[in-house]
Amino acid sequence: MARRCFDHLHAELSVEIGTLVPRYPLWIRVQEAGFDPDGFEASQLLSFVDEHLEPFLVEEGLELSPRRRTRLLRRLRRFDPNVPTPYETMERIFGRSV
């Protein structure tokens, strides 16, 4: 369940940047920042974005405008890992047939 926070960060960050953010390098950067991606909590997510996200994006050649950063933070604050996302609900209903 805790990995859902990392998965959510990766998905929302990719949406805001407009391209798929490299997942493994993001995972490594989260670990280097002193967090456990498998046990990421909501408060840690926000701390990571505030303190460690920008250097990661620069290193990966990605850019996040201030407006998109604000939207990303808003989405991360609203995320409740105890509530399944619409995608997860549909996956549960219809299974992974593809």
N, C-alpha and C. Protein backbone atom coordinates (compact mmCIF):
# COMPACT_ATOMS: atom_id res chain seq x y z
N MET A 1 0.82 -1.19 0.00
CA MET A 1 0.00 0.00 0.00
C MET A 1 0.87 1.25 0.00
N ALA A 2 1.96 1.27 0.75
CA ALA A 2 2.78 2.46 0.87
C ALA A 2 3.43 2.85 -0.45
N ARG A 3 3.70 1.90 -1.30
CA ARG A 3 4.31 2.23 -2.59
C ARG A 3 3.38 3.08 -3.44
N ARG A 4 2.13 3.10 -3.09
CA ARG A 4 1.16 3.88 -3.85
C ARG A 4 1.55 5.36 -3.87
N CYS A 5 2.16 5.85 -2.80
CA CYS A 5 2.58 7.26 -2.76
C CYS A 5 3.67 7.51 -3.81
N PHE A 6 4.63 6.60 -3.91
CA PHE A 6 5.67 6.76 -4.93
C PHE A 6 5.05 6.66 -6.32
N ASP A 7 4.18 5.68 -6.53
CA ASP A 7 3.53 5.50 -7.83
C ASP A 7 2.75 6.75 -8.22
N HIS A 8 2.09 7.34 -7.22
CA HIS A 8 1.30 8.55 -7.48
C HIS A 8 2.22 9.71 -7.85
N LEU A 9 3.32 9.86 -7.13
CA LEU A 9 4.29 10.90 -7.45
C LEU A 9 4.78 10.74 -8.89
N HIS A 10 5.16 9.52 -9.25
CA HIS A 10 5.67 9.27 -10.60
C HIS A 10 4.62 9.61 -11.66
N ALA A 11 3.39 9.16 -11.45
CA ALA A 11 2.33 9.40 -12.42
C ALA A 11 2.01 10.89 -12.55
N GLU A 12 1.83 11.56 -11.43
CA GLU A 12 1.47 12.99 -11.48
C GLU A 12 2.61 13.84 -12.03
N LEU A 13 3.83 13.51 -11.68
CA LEU A 13 4.97 14.23 -12.19
C LEU A 13 5.07 14.07 -13.71
N SER A 14 4.86 12.86 -14.19
CA SER A 14 4.88 12.60 -15.64
C SER A 14 3.80 13.40 -16.35
N VAL A 15 2.62 13.46 -15.76
CA VAL A 15 1.52 14.23 -16.36
C VAL A 15 1.87 15.71 -16.42
N GLU A 16 2.38 16.25 -15.33
CA GLU A 16 2.69 17.68 -15.29
C GLU A 16 3.84 18.06 -16.23
N ILE A 17 4.80 17.18 -16.39
CA ILE A 17 5.92 17.48 -17.29
C ILE A 17 5.53 17.22 -18.75
N GLY A 18 4.60 16.31 -18.95
CA GLY A 18 4.14 16.03 -20.30
C GLY A 18 4.91 14.93 -20.99
N THR A 19 5.71 14.21 -20.24
CA THR A 19 6.46 13.07 -20.78
C THR A 19 6.70 12.09 -19.63
N LEU A 20 6.97 10.86 -19.99
CA LEU A 20 7.20 9.85 -18.97
C LEU A 20 8.52 10.11 -18.26
N VAL A 21 8.44 10.34 -16.96
CA VAL A 21 9.64 10.56 -16.15
C VAL A 21 10.30 9.21 -15.90
N PRO A 22 11.61 9.11 -16.05
CA PRO A 22 12.28 7.82 -15.82
C PRO A 22 12.06 7.34 -14.38
N ARG A 23 11.40 6.21 -14.25
CA ARG A 23 10.98 5.71 -12.94
C ARG A 23 12.15 5.26 -12.08
N TYR A 24 13.06 4.49 -12.63
CA TYR A 24 14.16 3.97 -11.82
C TYR A 24 15.06 5.08 -11.28
N PRO A 25 15.46 6.05 -12.11
CA PRO A 25 16.26 7.14 -11.56
C PRO A 25 15.51 7.94 -10.47
N LEU A 26 14.19 8.10 -10.64
CA LEU A 26 13.40 8.76 -9.59
C LEU A 26 13.43 7.94 -8.31
N TRP A 27 13.29 6.63 -8.44
CA TRP A 27 13.34 5.72 -7.30
C TRP A 27 14.68 5.86 -6.55
N ILE A 28 15.76 5.87 -7.32
CA ILE A 28 17.10 6.00 -6.73
C ILE A 28 17.24 7.36 -6.03
N ARG A 29 16.74 8.41 -6.67
CA ARG A 29 16.85 9.75 -6.06
C ARG A 29 16.06 9.83 -4.75
N VAL A 30 14.91 9.18 -4.70
CA VAL A 30 14.13 9.15 -3.46
C VAL A 30 14.94 8.45 -2.37
N GLN A 31 15.58 7.34 -2.73
CA GLN A 31 16.41 6.63 -1.75
C GLN A 31 17.60 7.50 -1.31
N GLU A 32 18.25 8.16 -2.25
CA GLU A 32 19.39 9.01 -1.93
C GLU A 32 18.99 10.17 -1.02
N ALA A 33 17.74 10.59 -1.12
CA ALA A 33 17.24 11.68 -0.28
C ALA A 33 16.92 11.19 1.13
N GLY A 34 17.05 9.89 1.35
CA GLY A 34 16.84 9.34 2.69
C GLY A 34 15.45 8.78 2.94
N PHE A 35 14.69 8.60 1.87
CA PHE A 35 13.34 8.06 1.99
C PHE A 35 13.29 6.64 1.43
N ASP A 36 12.33 5.88 1.88
CA ASP A 36 12.11 4.53 1.37
C ASP A 36 10.94 4.59 0.39
N PRO A 37 11.18 4.40 -0.91
CA PRO A 37 10.08 4.47 -1.88
C PRO A 37 8.95 3.49 -1.58
N ASP A 38 9.29 2.34 -0.99
CA ASP A 38 8.24 1.38 -0.64
C ASP A 38 7.43 1.84 0.57
N GLY A 39 7.99 2.73 1.37
CA GLY A 39 7.30 3.19 2.56
C GLY A 39 7.07 4.68 2.56
N PHE A 40 7.06 5.27 1.37
CA PHE A 40 6.86 6.71 1.20
C PHE A 40 5.53 7.13 1.83
N GLU A 41 5.54 8.16 2.63
CA GLU A 41 4.32 8.70 3.21
C GLU A 41 4.02 10.06 2.59
N ALA A 42 2.79 10.51 2.74
CA ALA A 42 2.37 11.76 2.11
C ALA A 42 3.24 12.94 2.53
N SER A 43 3.57 13.04 3.80
CA SER A 43 4.40 14.16 4.27
C SER A 43 5.80 14.08 3.67
N GLN A 44 6.31 12.88 3.48
CA GLN A 44 7.63 12.71 2.88
C GLN A 44 7.61 13.10 1.40
N LEU A 45 6.49 12.82 0.74
CA LEU A 45 6.33 13.20 -0.66
C LEU A 45 6.54 14.70 -0.82
N LEU A 46 5.85 15.47 0.00
CA LEU A 46 5.93 16.93 -0.10
C LEU A 46 7.33 17.42 0.22
N SER A 47 7.96 16.81 1.21
CA SER A 47 9.33 17.17 1.56
C SER A 47 10.28 16.88 0.41
N PHE A 48 10.10 15.73 -0.23
CA PHE A 48 10.94 15.37 -1.37
C PHE A 48 10.78 16.38 -2.50
N VAL A 49 9.54 16.73 -2.80
CA VAL A 49 9.29 17.68 -3.89
C VAL A 49 9.91 19.04 -3.56
N ASP A 50 9.77 19.49 -2.33
CA ASP A 50 10.31 20.79 -1.94
C ASP A 50 11.83 20.83 -1.98
N GLU A 51 12.48 19.77 -1.55
CA GLU A 51 13.92 19.82 -1.34
C GLU A 51 14.76 19.09 -2.39
N HIS A 52 14.20 18.09 -3.06
CA HIS A 52 15.04 17.22 -3.90
C HIS A 52 14.58 17.07 -5.35
N LEU A 53 13.39 17.53 -5.67
CA LEU A 53 12.86 17.28 -7.02
C LEU A 53 13.59 18.10 -8.09
N GLU A 54 13.82 19.36 -7.83
CA GLU A 54 14.43 20.23 -8.85
C GLU A 54 15.79 19.72 -9.32
N PRO A 55 16.71 19.35 -8.41
CA PRO A 55 18.00 18.81 -8.89
C PRO A 55 17.83 17.53 -9.72
N PHE A 56 16.86 16.70 -9.35
CA PHE A 56 16.59 15.49 -10.13
C PHE A 56 16.15 15.85 -11.54
N LEU A 57 15.23 16.80 -11.64
CA LEU A 57 14.73 17.19 -12.96
C LEU A 57 15.84 17.77 -13.83
N VAL A 58 16.68 18.60 -13.24
CA VAL A 58 17.80 19.18 -13.99
C VAL A 58 18.72 18.08 -14.50
N GLU A 59 19.02 17.13 -13.63
CA GLU A 59 19.89 16.02 -14.00
C GLU A 59 19.31 15.19 -15.14
N GLU A 60 18.00 15.06 -15.17
CA GLU A 60 17.33 14.27 -16.20
C GLU A 60 16.98 15.10 -17.45
N GLY A 61 17.28 16.40 -17.42
CA GLY A 61 16.98 17.26 -18.56
C GLY A 61 15.49 17.58 -18.68
N LEU A 62 14.79 17.59 -17.56
CA LEU A 62 13.36 17.86 -17.55
C LEU A 62 13.11 19.20 -16.87
N GLU A 63 11.96 19.79 -17.17
CA GLU A 63 11.63 21.09 -16.60
C GLU A 63 10.19 21.09 -16.13
N LEU A 64 9.97 21.72 -14.98
CA LEU A 64 8.63 21.84 -14.40
C LEU A 64 8.40 23.31 -14.10
N SER A 65 7.47 23.92 -14.83
CA SER A 65 7.21 25.34 -14.63
C SER A 65 6.62 25.58 -13.24
N PRO A 66 6.74 26.80 -12.73
CA PRO A 66 6.18 27.09 -11.41
C PRO A 66 4.68 26.78 -11.31
N ARG A 67 3.95 27.07 -12.37
CA ARG A 67 2.50 26.80 -12.37
C ARG A 67 2.24 25.29 -12.27
N ARG A 68 2.97 24.51 -13.03
CA ARG A 68 2.79 23.05 -13.00
C ARG A 68 3.27 22.47 -11.67
N ARG A 69 4.29 23.06 -11.10
CA ARG A 69 4.77 22.62 -9.78
C ARG A 69 3.68 22.83 -8.73
N THR A 70 3.00 23.97 -8.81
CA THR A 70 1.90 24.25 -7.89
C THR A 70 0.78 23.23 -8.06
N ARG A 71 0.46 22.91 -9.30
CA ARG A 71 -0.58 21.89 -9.55
C ARG A 71 -0.15 20.53 -9.05
N LEU A 72 1.13 20.19 -9.25
CA LEU A 72 1.65 18.91 -8.76
C LEU A 72 1.52 18.84 -7.23
N LEU A 73 1.93 19.89 -6.55
CA LEU A 73 1.84 19.90 -5.09
C LEU A 73 0.39 19.78 -4.62
N ARG A 74 -0.51 20.46 -5.31
CA ARG A 74 -1.93 20.38 -4.95
C ARG A 74 -2.44 18.94 -5.09
N ARG A 75 -2.09 18.28 -6.17
CA ARG A 75 -2.52 16.89 -6.38
C ARG A 75 -1.90 15.94 -5.36
N LEU A 76 -0.65 16.17 -5.02
CA LEU A 76 0.01 15.32 -4.03
C LEU A 76 -0.60 15.51 -2.65
N ARG A 77 -0.96 16.74 -2.31
CA ARG A 77 -1.59 17.00 -1.01
C ARG A 77 -2.96 16.34 -0.91
N ARG A 78 -3.68 16.26 -2.01
CA ARG A 78 -5.04 15.69 -2.00
C ARG A 78 -5.04 14.16 -2.04
N PHE A 79 -3.91 13.57 -2.37
CA PHE A 79 -3.86 12.12 -2.54
C PHE A 79 -4.03 11.40 -1.21
N ASP A 80 -4.93 10.44 -1.18
CA ASP A 80 -5.13 9.58 0.00
C ASP A 80 -4.80 8.16 -0.43
N PRO A 81 -3.69 7.60 0.06
CA PRO A 81 -3.29 6.26 -0.37
C PRO A 81 -4.24 5.15 0.06
N ASN A 82 -5.17 5.49 0.94
CA ASN A 82 -6.15 4.48 1.39
C ASN A 82 -7.35 4.37 0.46
N VAL A 83 -7.48 5.31 -0.46
CA VAL A 83 -8.60 5.32 -1.40
C VAL A 83 -8.08 4.93 -2.78
N PRO A 84 -8.64 3.88 -3.38
CA PRO A 84 -8.16 3.47 -4.71
C PRO A 84 -8.45 4.54 -5.77
N THR A 85 -7.52 4.67 -6.70
CA THR A 85 -7.72 5.60 -7.80
C THR A 85 -8.76 5.01 -8.76
N PRO A 86 -9.36 5.84 -9.62
CA PRO A 86 -10.30 5.29 -10.60
C PRO A 86 -9.66 4.19 -11.45
N TYR A 87 -8.40 4.37 -11.83
CA TYR A 87 -7.70 3.36 -12.63
C TYR A 87 -7.62 2.04 -11.86
N GLU A 88 -7.27 2.10 -10.58
CA GLU A 88 -7.16 0.89 -9.77
C GLU A 88 -8.52 0.21 -9.60
N THR A 89 -9.56 1.00 -9.48
CA THR A 89 -10.90 0.44 -9.37
C THR A 89 -11.29 -0.29 -10.64
N MET A 90 -11.03 0.33 -11.79
CA MET A 90 -11.34 -0.32 -13.06
C MET A 90 -10.51 -1.58 -13.26
N GLU A 91 -9.25 -1.53 -12.85
CA GLU A 91 -8.38 -2.68 -12.94
C GLU A 91 -8.93 -3.84 -12.10
N ARG A 92 -9.42 -3.52 -10.91
CA ARG A 92 -9.97 -4.53 -10.02
C ARG A 92 -11.25 -5.13 -10.62
N ILE A 93 -12.09 -4.28 -11.21
CA ILE A 93 -13.36 -4.74 -11.77
C ILE A 93 -13.13 -5.61 -13.00
N PHE A 94 -12.30 -5.13 -13.91
CA PHE A 94 -12.14 -5.80 -15.20
C PHE A 94 -10.90 -6.67 -15.30
N GLY A 95 -10.03 -6.61 -14.32
CA GLY A 95 -8.83 -7.44 -14.34
C GLY A 95 -7.83 -6.92 -15.35
N ARG A 96 -6.70 -7.55 -15.37
CA ARG A 96 -5.61 -7.16 -16.29
C ARG A 96 -5.58 -8.10 -17.48
N SER A 97 -6.58 -8.02 -18.30
CA SER A 97 -6.69 -8.93 -19.42
C SER A 97 -5.76 -8.59 -20.58
N VAL A 98 -5.25 -7.36 -20.59
CA VAL A 98 -4.40 -6.95 -21.72
C VAL A 98 -2.96 -6.92 -21.31
